[in-house]
């Protein structure tokens, strides 16, 4: 299988953390920043480390953005540079562009340019932390978009011993069980069949609308 390639434009606090995480997952990551010191901190992990101005179209042309699996733009609070970089990235054929947002108006402009997702790290982190305090039986939560999430939730006592078909979560709560995690065996069963029996050492990986997941939990 071909290793996915990502391009991270801007390696500040968010950009460098994002790039580092992608590298840890084994992806080929090209990092670009005007600061040599920012690049030096990641040089041993990046597939490519390039010093350059990401708002310079010629610099972006050399990165072959159209062949990247994702382009991540994180330029601090500089809205003008962020918009210009996103514009050039889309014009150069980048298919999936993700940008760190600064304000709601900034996000509106980026979406109009065709950006796949605008990320507000502080807001998303605050929401995840608040949810973890409220949803005490939820082990992990992954936000897909503003309306949908995937949650890892301990099997409720009321479902222990039942099969997935008997639990009937799709009809009752409009949520989909996409995997079962066995905490004793440290294993995962993706797309489990309807006759899979739930035990108290299992955790469910469930996908659905956030409002439906709230009712289920």
Protein backbone atom coordinates (compact mmCIF):
# COMPACT_ATOMS: atom_id res chain seq x y z
CA UNK A 1 0.00 0.00 0.00
CA UNK A 2 1.29 3.43 -0.94
CA UNK A 3 2.32 5.57 2.05
CA UNK A 4 0.18 8.67 2.32
CA UNK A 5 1.85 12.04 1.85
CA UNK A 6 0.93 15.22 3.68
CA UNK A 7 2.25 18.77 3.33
CA UNK A 8 2.25 21.01 6.42
CA UNK A 9 2.55 24.70 5.57
CA UNK A 10 3.58 26.57 8.71
CA UNK A 11 5.19 24.87 11.70
CA UNK A 12 4.13 26.91 14.69
CA UNK A 13 2.69 25.27 17.80
CA UNK A 14 -0.31 23.71 16.03
CA UNK A 15 1.40 22.96 12.72
CA UNK A 16 4.41 21.26 14.30
CA UNK A 17 2.22 19.17 16.64
CA UNK A 18 0.07 18.10 13.69
CA UNK A 19 3.12 17.24 11.57
CA UNK A 20 4.74 15.30 14.41
CA UNK A 21 1.59 13.24 14.94
CA UNK A 22 1.35 12.39 11.25
CA UNK A 23 4.99 11.30 11.27
CA UNK A 24 4.35 9.08 14.29
CA UNK A 25 1.64 7.31 12.28
CA UNK A 26 4.14 6.54 9.53
CA UNK A 27 3.04 9.09 6.92
CA UNK A 28 5.44 10.97 4.67
CA UNK A 29 5.28 14.58 5.78
CA UNK A 30 6.76 17.60 4.04
CA UNK A 31 7.11 20.56 6.40
CA UNK A 32 7.57 24.12 5.15
CA UNK A 33 8.29 27.20 7.26
CA UNK A 34 10.25 30.45 7.04
CA UNK A 35 11.92 29.66 10.36
CA UNK A 36 14.94 27.36 10.21
CA UNK A 37 14.69 26.74 13.97
CA UNK A 38 11.10 25.49 13.61
CA UNK A 39 12.24 23.05 10.93
CA UNK A 40 15.26 21.90 12.91
CA UNK A 41 13.03 20.68 15.75
CA UNK A 42 11.28 18.30 13.35
CA UNK A 43 14.01 17.63 10.81
CA UNK A 44 14.69 14.09 12.07
CA UNK A 45 11.02 13.16 11.75
CA UNK A 46 9.95 14.91 8.56
CA UNK A 47 10.28 13.26 5.15
CA UNK A 48 11.22 16.68 3.79
CA UNK A 49 12.06 19.93 5.63
CA UNK A 50 11.91 23.02 3.43
CA UNK A 51 12.69 26.63 4.33
CA UNK A 52 10.38 28.88 2.36
CA UNK A 53 7.53 31.38 2.26
CA UNK A 54 4.27 29.45 1.93
CA UNK A 55 2.52 32.53 0.51
CA UNK A 56 4.90 32.48 -2.45
CA UNK A 57 3.18 30.73 -5.33
CA UNK A 58 6.44 29.50 -6.87
CA UNK A 59 7.41 27.83 -3.59
CA UNK A 60 4.06 26.04 -3.49
CA UNK A 61 4.32 24.98 -7.14
CA UNK A 62 7.46 23.01 -6.32
CA UNK A 63 5.66 21.03 -3.60
CA UNK A 64 3.35 19.18 -6.04
CA UNK A 65 0.33 19.81 -3.83
CA UNK A 66 -2.06 18.13 -6.27
CA UNK A 67 -0.48 14.74 -5.47
CA UNK A 68 -0.64 15.18 -1.68
CA UNK A 69 -3.26 13.30 0.35
CA UNK A 70 -3.74 16.39 2.50
CA UNK A 71 -2.43 19.94 2.88
CA UNK A 72 -2.44 21.49 6.36
CA UNK A 73 -2.09 25.26 6.69
CA UNK A 74 -1.27 26.82 10.05
CA UNK A 75 0.01 30.39 9.95
CA UNK A 76 -0.82 31.71 13.40
CA UNK A 77 -3.13 34.72 13.53
CA UNK A 78 -2.17 36.12 10.15
CA UNK A 79 -5.47 35.89 8.30
CA UNK A 80 -4.21 37.47 5.08
CA UNK A 81 -1.31 35.02 4.70
CA UNK A 82 -3.55 32.10 5.59
CA UNK A 83 -6.14 33.03 2.95
CA UNK A 84 -3.49 33.65 0.29
CA UNK A 85 -1.83 30.32 1.02
CA UNK A 86 -5.17 28.47 0.86
CA UNK A 87 -6.07 30.21 -2.41
CA UNK A 88 -2.81 29.21 -4.07
CA UNK A 89 -3.06 25.66 -2.72
CA UNK A 90 -6.52 25.20 -4.26
CA UNK A 91 -5.44 26.82 -7.54
CA UNK A 92 -2.51 24.40 -7.70
CA UNK A 93 -4.82 21.41 -7.43
CA UNK A 94 -4.68 20.48 -3.74
CA UNK A 95 -7.71 18.23 -3.17
CA UNK A 96 -7.98 18.23 0.62
CA UNK A 97 -6.95 21.41 2.42
CA UNK A 98 -7.22 21.87 6.19
CA UNK A 99 -6.62 25.28 7.74
CA UNK A 100 -6.23 26.51 11.32
CA UNK A 101 -8.96 29.12 11.76
CA UNK A 102 -8.64 32.52 13.41
CA UNK A 103 -12.21 33.88 13.34
CA UNK A 104 -15.66 33.10 11.97
CA UNK A 105 -15.18 35.51 9.05
CA UNK A 106 -11.85 33.88 8.30
CA UNK A 107 -13.58 30.51 8.24
CA UNK A 108 -16.30 31.77 5.87
CA UNK A 109 -13.71 32.96 3.37
CA UNK A 110 -11.77 29.71 3.58
CA UNK A 111 -14.89 27.61 3.02
CA UNK A 112 -15.75 29.78 0.00
CA UNK A 113 -12.32 28.89 -1.40
CA UNK A 114 -13.13 25.19 -1.10
CA UNK A 115 -11.18 24.35 2.06
CA UNK A 116 -12.28 20.95 3.37
CA UNK A 117 -12.15 21.83 7.06
CA UNK A 118 -11.36 24.86 9.19
CA UNK A 119 -9.90 23.85 12.55
CA UNK A 120 -10.25 25.86 15.76
CA UNK A 121 -7.93 23.91 18.11
CA UNK A 122 -8.81 25.76 21.32
CA UNK A 123 -12.56 25.42 20.75
CA UNK A 124 -12.35 21.75 19.78
CA UNK A 125 -10.13 20.94 22.75
CA UNK A 126 -12.49 22.76 25.13
CA UNK A 127 -15.49 20.90 23.69
CA UNK A 128 -13.74 17.53 24.00
CA UNK A 129 -12.74 18.27 27.60
CA UNK A 130 -16.26 19.39 28.51
CA UNK A 131 -17.76 16.28 26.90
CA UNK A 132 -15.33 14.04 28.80
CA UNK A 133 -16.58 15.57 32.07
CA UNK A 134 -20.24 15.22 31.11
CA UNK A 135 -20.08 11.84 29.33
CA UNK A 136 -18.42 9.89 32.13
CA UNK A 137 -18.93 6.52 30.41
CA UNK A 138 -17.32 7.72 27.18
CA UNK A 139 -13.67 6.68 26.96
CA UNK A 140 -12.73 8.67 23.86
CA UNK A 141 -14.45 10.92 21.37
CA UNK A 142 -13.47 11.79 17.80
CA UNK A 143 -15.22 14.73 16.14
CA UNK A 144 -15.85 14.09 12.42
CA UNK A 145 -17.58 17.39 11.65
CA UNK A 146 -19.85 19.84 13.45
CA UNK A 147 -22.72 17.30 13.58
CA UNK A 148 -21.12 13.83 13.68
CA UNK A 149 -18.76 12.04 16.04
CA UNK A 150 -17.27 8.65 16.78
CA UNK A 151 -17.18 7.66 20.45
CA UNK A 152 -15.53 4.83 22.32
CA UNK A 153 -17.94 3.88 25.08
CA UNK A 154 -17.94 1.12 27.68
CA UNK A 155 -20.69 -1.43 27.08
CA UNK A 156 -23.62 -0.38 29.32
CA UNK A 157 -24.75 -2.95 31.90
CA UNK A 158 -28.12 -3.17 30.16
CA UNK A 159 -26.45 -4.52 26.99
CA UNK A 160 -24.06 -7.05 28.57
CA UNK A 161 -24.90 -10.52 27.28
CA UNK A 162 -26.91 -9.26 24.30
CA UNK A 163 -25.90 -9.57 20.67
CA UNK A 164 -25.56 -6.50 18.49
CA UNK A 165 -28.75 -7.52 16.72
CA UNK A 166 -30.60 -7.77 20.05
CA UNK A 167 -29.25 -4.39 21.19
CA UNK A 168 -30.69 -2.91 17.95
CA UNK A 169 -28.86 0.39 18.42
CA UNK A 170 -29.33 1.46 14.80
CA UNK A 171 -33.13 1.45 15.11
CA UNK A 172 -33.39 2.66 18.72
CA UNK A 173 -30.79 5.41 18.67
CA UNK A 174 -29.78 5.88 15.02
CA UNK A 175 -26.13 5.06 15.81
CA UNK A 176 -23.86 2.54 14.12
CA UNK A 177 -21.47 0.14 15.87
CA UNK A 178 -18.35 0.15 13.68
CA UNK A 179 -16.03 -1.87 15.94
CA UNK A 180 -15.76 -3.75 19.23
CA UNK A 181 -12.66 -3.39 21.44
CA UNK A 182 -11.83 -6.29 23.74
CA UNK A 183 -9.93 -4.84 26.71
CA UNK A 184 -8.80 -8.26 27.98
CA UNK A 185 -7.46 -9.57 24.69
CA UNK A 186 -6.31 -6.12 23.53
CA UNK A 187 -7.96 -6.81 20.19
CA UNK A 188 -10.43 -5.06 17.91
CA UNK A 189 -13.17 -6.50 15.70
CA UNK A 190 -14.13 -4.13 12.91
CA UNK A 191 -17.65 -4.20 11.42
CA UNK A 192 -18.89 -6.89 13.84
CA UNK A 193 -21.74 -9.15 12.73
CA UNK A 194 -25.20 -9.06 14.29
CA UNK A 195 -24.59 -12.23 16.32
CA UNK A 196 -21.54 -10.72 18.09
CA UNK A 197 -22.25 -10.97 21.84
CA UNK A 198 -21.38 -8.02 24.04
CA UNK A 199 -19.49 -8.57 27.29
CA UNK A 200 -18.57 -6.32 30.21
CA UNK A 201 -14.92 -6.21 29.07
CA UNK A 202 -15.92 -4.77 25.71
CA UNK A 203 -15.98 -1.19 24.52
CA UNK A 204 -18.05 -0.04 21.56
CA UNK A 205 -16.78 2.23 18.81
CA UNK A 206 -20.00 3.95 17.73
CA UNK A 207 -20.62 6.53 15.00
CA UNK A 208 -23.56 8.88 14.56
CA UNK A 209 -24.92 12.36 15.01
CA UNK A 210 -23.68 13.96 18.21
CA UNK A 211 -27.28 14.47 19.37
CA UNK A 212 -28.09 10.76 18.84
CA UNK A 213 -24.89 9.68 20.58
CA UNK A 214 -25.87 11.86 23.54
CA UNK A 215 -29.19 10.01 23.83
CA UNK A 216 -27.47 6.64 23.56
CA UNK A 217 -24.80 7.30 26.18
